[in-house]
Protein backbone atom coordinates (compact mmCIF):
# COMPACT_ATOMS: atom_id res chain seq x y z
CA UNK A 1 -3.60 -238.01 190.35
CA UNK A 2 -1.31 -240.54 188.65
CA UNK A 3 -0.58 -243.70 190.60
CA UNK A 4 1.17 -246.98 189.85
CA UNK A 5 -0.85 -248.83 192.48
CA UNK A 6 -2.27 -252.15 191.27
CA UNK A 7 -3.71 -253.08 194.68
CA UNK A 8 -1.08 -255.71 195.47
CA UNK A 9 0.12 -253.96 198.60
CA UNK A 10 2.79 -256.31 199.91
CA UNK A 11 6.35 -255.41 200.78
CA UNK A 12 9.30 -257.46 199.56
CA UNK A 13 11.10 -259.60 202.18
CA UNK A 14 13.48 -256.76 203.03
CA UNK A 15 10.47 -254.49 203.68
CA UNK A 16 11.82 -251.91 201.27
CA UNK A 17 9.62 -252.05 198.14
CA UNK A 18 6.00 -252.83 197.35
CA UNK A 19 5.81 -256.00 195.22
CA UNK A 20 2.85 -254.58 193.33
CA UNK A 21 4.08 -251.15 192.28
CA UNK A 22 7.73 -250.91 193.30
CA UNK A 23 7.41 -247.83 195.50
CA UNK A 24 9.02 -247.53 198.91
CA UNK A 25 6.79 -247.34 201.96
CA UNK A 26 7.88 -243.70 202.34
CA UNK A 27 6.85 -242.90 198.77
CA UNK A 28 3.49 -244.59 199.25
CA UNK A 29 2.82 -242.57 202.39
CA UNK A 30 3.80 -239.26 200.82
CA UNK A 31 2.30 -239.92 197.37
CA UNK A 32 -0.71 -237.61 197.62
CA UNK A 33 1.51 -234.72 198.75
CA UNK A 34 3.94 -235.01 195.83
CA UNK A 35 3.70 -232.73 192.83
CA UNK A 36 2.57 -234.57 189.68
CA UNK A 37 6.05 -234.13 188.16
CA UNK A 38 7.58 -235.95 191.15
CA UNK A 39 5.03 -238.78 190.90
CA UNK A 40 5.80 -239.19 187.18
CA UNK A 41 9.56 -239.20 187.82
CA UNK A 42 9.18 -241.92 190.45
CA UNK A 43 6.87 -243.90 188.16
CA UNK A 44 9.56 -243.90 185.45
CA UNK A 45 11.96 -245.63 187.87
CA UNK A 46 9.52 -248.35 188.96
CA UNK A 47 10.02 -250.88 186.12
CA UNK A 48 13.74 -251.08 186.93
CA UNK A 49 13.03 -251.51 190.64
CA UNK A 50 10.54 -254.29 190.00
CA UNK A 51 12.99 -255.99 187.63
CA UNK A 52 15.58 -256.06 190.41
CA UNK A 53 13.04 -257.70 192.72
CA UNK A 54 12.28 -260.36 190.11
CA UNK A 55 15.94 -261.32 189.60
CA UNK A 56 16.80 -264.67 191.17
CA UNK A 57 19.12 -264.36 194.10
CA UNK A 58 21.95 -266.83 194.69
CA UNK A 59 20.99 -269.58 197.08
CA UNK A 60 22.87 -269.98 200.29
CA UNK A 61 25.08 -273.06 200.08
CA UNK A 62 24.42 -274.69 203.43
CA UNK A 63 26.65 -277.67 202.68
CA UNK A 64 29.81 -275.57 202.42
CA UNK A 65 32.34 -276.13 205.19
CA UNK A 66 32.45 -273.47 207.87
């Protein structure tokens, strides 16, 4: 069975994606039940997901007037 798991099983701060492989918690849980074609399709999308996680996010400007 194909898997992108690299044994860094930690979710991003939003709790949406694994920081190690880029899968959602739902995908991880259902992985063994997916057809191989589905696993491969998801795996093709993972580099883009991980790239989005790695992008710096704008900092909150706490000194701005409210």
